Every structure is written in structure tokens, then in C-alpha cells.
Protein backbone atom coordinates (compact mmCIF):
# COMPACT_ATOMS: atom_id res chain seq x y z
CA MET A 1 -0.61 -19.10 -8.18
CA ILE A 2 2.75 -20.65 -8.93
CA ARG A 3 4.11 -23.66 -7.07
CA ARG A 4 7.68 -24.99 -7.16
CA SER A 5 8.45 -28.63 -6.66
CA GLY A 6 12.13 -29.08 -5.94
CA LEU A 7 14.96 -26.58 -6.04
CA ARG A 8 15.70 -26.63 -9.78
CA ALA A 9 12.30 -27.44 -11.18
CA GLU A 10 10.46 -24.95 -13.35
CA PRO A 11 7.48 -23.40 -11.57
CA GLU A 12 4.15 -25.07 -12.19
CA VAL A 13 1.22 -22.71 -12.83
CA VAL A 14 -1.57 -24.01 -10.62
CA TRP A 15 -4.05 -21.37 -11.77
CA SER A 16 -4.08 -17.94 -13.35
CA ARG A 17 -6.97 -15.48 -12.93
CA THR A 18 -7.86 -11.92 -13.75
CA ALA A 19 -9.73 -10.39 -10.85
CA GLY A 20 -10.87 -6.94 -9.91
CA PRO A 21 -12.39 -4.08 -11.84
CA GLU A 22 -11.36 -2.74 -15.22
CA HIS A 23 -8.47 -0.22 -15.13
CA ALA A 24 -6.97 -1.74 -11.98
CA ALA A 25 -3.40 -2.70 -11.10
CA ALA A 26 -2.10 -4.73 -8.16
CA GLU A 27 1.13 -3.89 -6.30
CA SER A 28 1.18 -6.35 -3.40
CA VAL A 29 -0.51 -9.55 -2.25
CA THR A 30 -0.70 -11.45 1.02
CA SER A 31 -2.40 -14.64 2.16
CA ALA A 32 -5.73 -14.58 3.97
CA PRO A 33 -6.56 -16.85 6.93
CA ASP A 34 -9.12 -18.79 4.85
CA GLY A 35 -6.53 -19.81 2.25
CA GLY A 36 -7.44 -17.02 -0.15
CA PHE A 37 -5.47 -13.90 -0.98
CA VAL A 38 -5.73 -10.14 -0.48
CA ALA A 39 -4.13 -7.71 -2.93
CA THR A 40 -3.73 -3.94 -2.97
CA GLY A 41 -3.03 -1.46 -5.71
CA ARG A 42 -5.15 1.09 -7.52
CA VAL A 43 -8.19 1.48 -9.72
CA THR A 44 -8.61 4.44 -12.08
CA ASP A 45 -12.03 6.01 -12.66
CA ALA A 46 -13.32 7.60 -15.87
CA ASP A 47 -12.00 11.04 -14.83
CA GLY A 48 -8.46 9.74 -14.33
CA TRP A 49 -8.53 9.79 -10.51
CA GLN A 50 -7.18 6.75 -8.71
CA LYS A 51 -8.51 5.03 -5.60
CA LEU A 52 -6.66 2.58 -3.41
CA LEU A 53 -7.88 -0.94 -4.22
CA LEU A 54 -8.19 -3.81 -1.72
CA LEU A 55 -9.22 -7.07 -3.39
CA LYS A 56 -10.03 -10.40 -1.69
CA THR A 57 -10.02 -13.70 -3.57
CA ASP A 58 -10.69 -17.26 -2.55
CA ALA A 59 -8.01 -19.97 -2.71
CA GLU A 60 -8.69 -20.44 -6.45
CA GLY A 61 -8.27 -16.74 -7.24
CA LYS A 62 -11.97 -15.96 -7.71
CA GLU A 63 -12.96 -12.51 -6.47
CA VAL A 64 -14.82 -12.49 -3.14
CA TRP A 65 -14.99 -8.73 -2.65
CA SER A 66 -13.24 -5.52 -3.58
CA ARG A 67 -13.09 -2.20 -1.73
CA TYR A 68 -11.94 1.26 -2.80
CA TYR A 69 -10.55 4.02 -0.60
CA ALA A 70 -9.58 7.63 -1.23
CA TYR A 71 -8.66 10.09 1.51
CA ALA A 72 -10.84 12.82 0.01
CA ALA A 73 -12.91 13.13 -3.14
CA SER A 74 -10.34 15.38 -4.81
CA LEU A 75 -7.31 13.18 -4.07
CA SER A 76 -5.95 10.15 -5.90
CA ALA A 77 -4.75 7.20 -3.83
CA SER A 78 -2.90 3.96 -4.46
CA GLY A 79 -1.83 1.02 -2.31
CA LYS A 80 1.75 -0.27 -2.27
CA LYS A 81 1.78 -3.02 0.42
CA VAL A 82 -0.89 -4.94 2.31
CA HIS A 83 -0.32 -7.00 5.46
CA ARG A 84 -2.56 -8.98 7.76
CA THR A 85 -2.81 -7.50 11.24
CA GLN A 86 -2.81 -9.28 14.58
CA ASP A 87 -6.54 -8.59 14.98
CA GLY A 88 -7.36 -10.38 11.71
CA GLY A 89 -7.79 -7.26 9.61
CA PHE A 90 -5.49 -5.61 7.10
CA VAL A 91 -3.23 -2.58 7.02
CA ILE A 92 -2.36 -0.98 3.71
CA VAL A 93 0.29 1.64 3.03
CA GLY A 94 0.49 3.68 -0.11
CA THR A 95 0.36 7.20 -1.40
CA VAL A 96 -2.28 9.88 -1.65
CA ARG A 97 -1.80 12.54 -4.31
CA SER A 98 -3.22 16.04 -4.16
CA GLY A 99 -2.90 19.02 -6.47
CA ASP A 100 -3.59 19.19 -10.15
CA HIS A 101 -2.43 16.45 -12.50
CA GLY A 102 0.45 18.63 -13.75
CA LYS A 103 2.05 19.36 -10.35
CA PRO A 104 1.14 16.69 -7.82
CA ASN A 105 2.03 16.52 -4.13
CA ASP A 106 2.40 13.00 -2.68
CA ASP A 107 1.89 12.02 0.96
CA VAL A 108 2.01 8.68 2.79
CA TYR A 109 -1.43 7.05 3.12
CA LEU A 110 -2.21 4.41 5.78
CA VAL A 111 -5.49 2.45 5.79
CA LYS A 112 -6.70 -0.04 8.43
CA THR A 113 -9.60 -2.40 7.70
CA ASP A 114 -11.32 -5.30 9.36
CA ALA A 115 -11.19 -8.82 7.89
CA ARG A 116 -13.99 -7.95 5.41
CA GLY A 117 -12.17 -4.88 4.11
CA GLU A 118 -14.47 -2.46 5.90
CA LEU A 119 -12.65 0.78 6.74
CA GLU A 120 -11.72 1.19 10.41
CA TRP A 121 -9.58 4.31 9.94
CA GLU A 122 -7.30 6.06 7.49
CA ARG A 123 -4.42 8.48 7.98
CA ARG A 124 -2.54 10.86 5.71
CA PHE A 125 1.00 11.87 6.70
CA VAL A 126 1.83 15.27 5.23
CA GLY A 127 5.50 16.22 5.06
CA GLY A 128 7.54 18.94 3.52
CA GLY A 129 8.06 17.28 0.16
CA GLU A 130 7.08 14.19 -1.78
CA GLU A 131 6.62 11.23 0.57
CA LEU A 132 5.83 7.74 -0.71
CA GLY A 133 4.70 4.87 1.52
CA GLN A 134 6.53 1.68 0.48
CA ASP A 135 5.98 -0.90 3.24
CA VAL A 136 4.36 -1.31 6.65
CA THR A 137 4.76 -3.73 9.52
CA GLU A 138 3.11 -4.25 12.90
CA PRO A 139 5.82 -4.36 15.60
CA PRO A 140 5.29 -6.67 18.62
CA ASP A 141 4.69 -3.67 20.94
CA GLY A 142 1.76 -2.44 18.81
CA GLY A 143 1.18 0.30 16.34
CA TYR A 144 2.68 0.38 12.88
CA LEU A 145 6.04 1.19 11.33
CA ILE A 146 5.96 2.62 7.82
CA ALA A 147 8.98 2.62 5.52
CA GLY A 148 9.09 4.94 2.58
CA THR A 149 11.02 7.45 0.57
CA TYR A 150 10.93 11.21 0.30
CA VAL A 151 12.10 14.02 -1.92
CA ASN A 152 12.52 17.43 -0.36
CA GLY A 153 12.86 20.29 -2.78
CA SER A 154 13.65 20.16 -6.45
CA ILE A 155 16.44 17.55 -6.29
CA PRO A 156 15.16 14.49 -8.22
CA ALA A 157 16.50 11.87 -5.81
CA ARG A 158 15.05 10.01 -2.84
CA ALA A 159 16.09 9.40 0.74
CA GLY A 160 14.69 7.17 3.50
CA LEU A 161 11.61 7.78 5.61
CA LEU A 162 10.32 5.96 8.70
CA ILE A 163 7.01 6.79 10.39
CA ARG A 164 6.00 5.17 13.70
CA THR A 165 2.33 5.21 14.70
CA ASP A 166 0.22 4.00 17.58
CA SER A 167 -2.41 1.28 17.05
CA ALA A 168 -4.94 3.88 15.83
CA GLY A 169 -2.53 5.16 13.17
CA ASN A 170 -1.68 8.38 15.00
CA GLU A 171 1.88 9.53 14.36
CA ARG A 172 4.36 8.97 17.20
CA TRP A 173 7.43 10.09 15.29
CA THR A 174 8.89 10.53 11.82
CA LYS A 175 12.54 10.06 10.90
CA ARG A 176 14.12 11.10 7.62
CA PHE A 177 17.59 9.87 6.80
CA GLY A 178 20.03 9.79 3.96
CA ASP A 179 20.80 12.50 1.49
CA PRO A 180 17.88 13.43 -0.78
CA GLY A 181 20.56 14.58 -3.25
CA GLY A 182 22.27 11.19 -3.13
CA PRO A 183 21.47 7.96 -4.97
CA ILE A 184 17.90 6.71 -5.20
CA ARG A 185 17.04 4.13 -2.57
CA ASP A 186 13.62 2.58 -3.08
CA GLN A 187 14.16 -0.29 -0.64
CA LEU A 188 14.76 0.27 3.06
């Protein structure tokens, strides 16, 4: 954890910890109600397959628990963003990859857990190309809004993707925008 004191002061390292399993990487972190933190990312097993990682620490960065999720045994998954939900749990967006390691197919992956990281539900959003989940939010009227990018066809560029779900993660609508042949836009 890094704390700043004043506008121009150098950050002060309060603590630094390594947490989680071997061969893991974190992509996003959020605060937990108890003062600890929850991070998401991926963990790679001995066969090279990845699982989405959800890791809870206490306020000092010591691991409390870790959970792993994969949509199916033959798919790799990774988490990109984690957010606390209004019910006290967590929602994680990321990507699930199918196909062989040489020619993968990526789809948006949405995971909802309770406050202890226990799986409540998971959803895979299959499109016509490569779709990557980048961020998720919980709008005031319920459900979730996923932001991401997609590539349709063989053009190596990305365009925008929005997916709106109900509170159970069921798709309400999907909007694609921008030109997949235009410049890469990783932030929406």
C-alpha cells in the first residue's frame, strides 16, 4: 500500500506484500468493507491453463483467502476488473479463452460472488469475434454494464463493446461501436 502525504511529497510505502499462489498475476484491486483488499487476475496451472483468480487480503496485505474460477475445464480464464456490489459481494469481468493454444477464441466472462468469494453465478458472452471484458459497473437501476473491446474478422484492431445484463447476469443487450479497422481503443 502506498500513501501520499501532501500534493508534492513522494509516496510513502506503508507495506509491500506478495500474496496469492505461485504463477499468479493481478490486474485489478478494490477495497473490502473490513479495510482489506480484493484483487483479481489469473493463475496458471502446470498444464498452462489459466483460471480467474480472486484474492482477499486483510488491511496489512496478508492473504485471507483465494478462489479460482474457470467457465469449463477446457477453457482458460482471467480477471480484468473487480468491483464490490451493492449486496456486499463482488463482480469480476474478464475473458474466457477457448480453442487450442495456437488459435484461441476470446469471450467476455462475468463472475458474481458473495462476500467470501463463493461463486453465485458465472456468464460467458459469446460474440462473432474476439471479445475482451475490460470493466464492469453496477448501475443504480440494477444489473451490470460491461465495457470491453472486440475484433471481428482478421483486422488486427479493436472497437468498443458494451453489454448490459440483469442482476443475474443474463444479457439484456449488446452494443458494438466504432470501426474494428480503426485505431485501437482499450479504454472506453
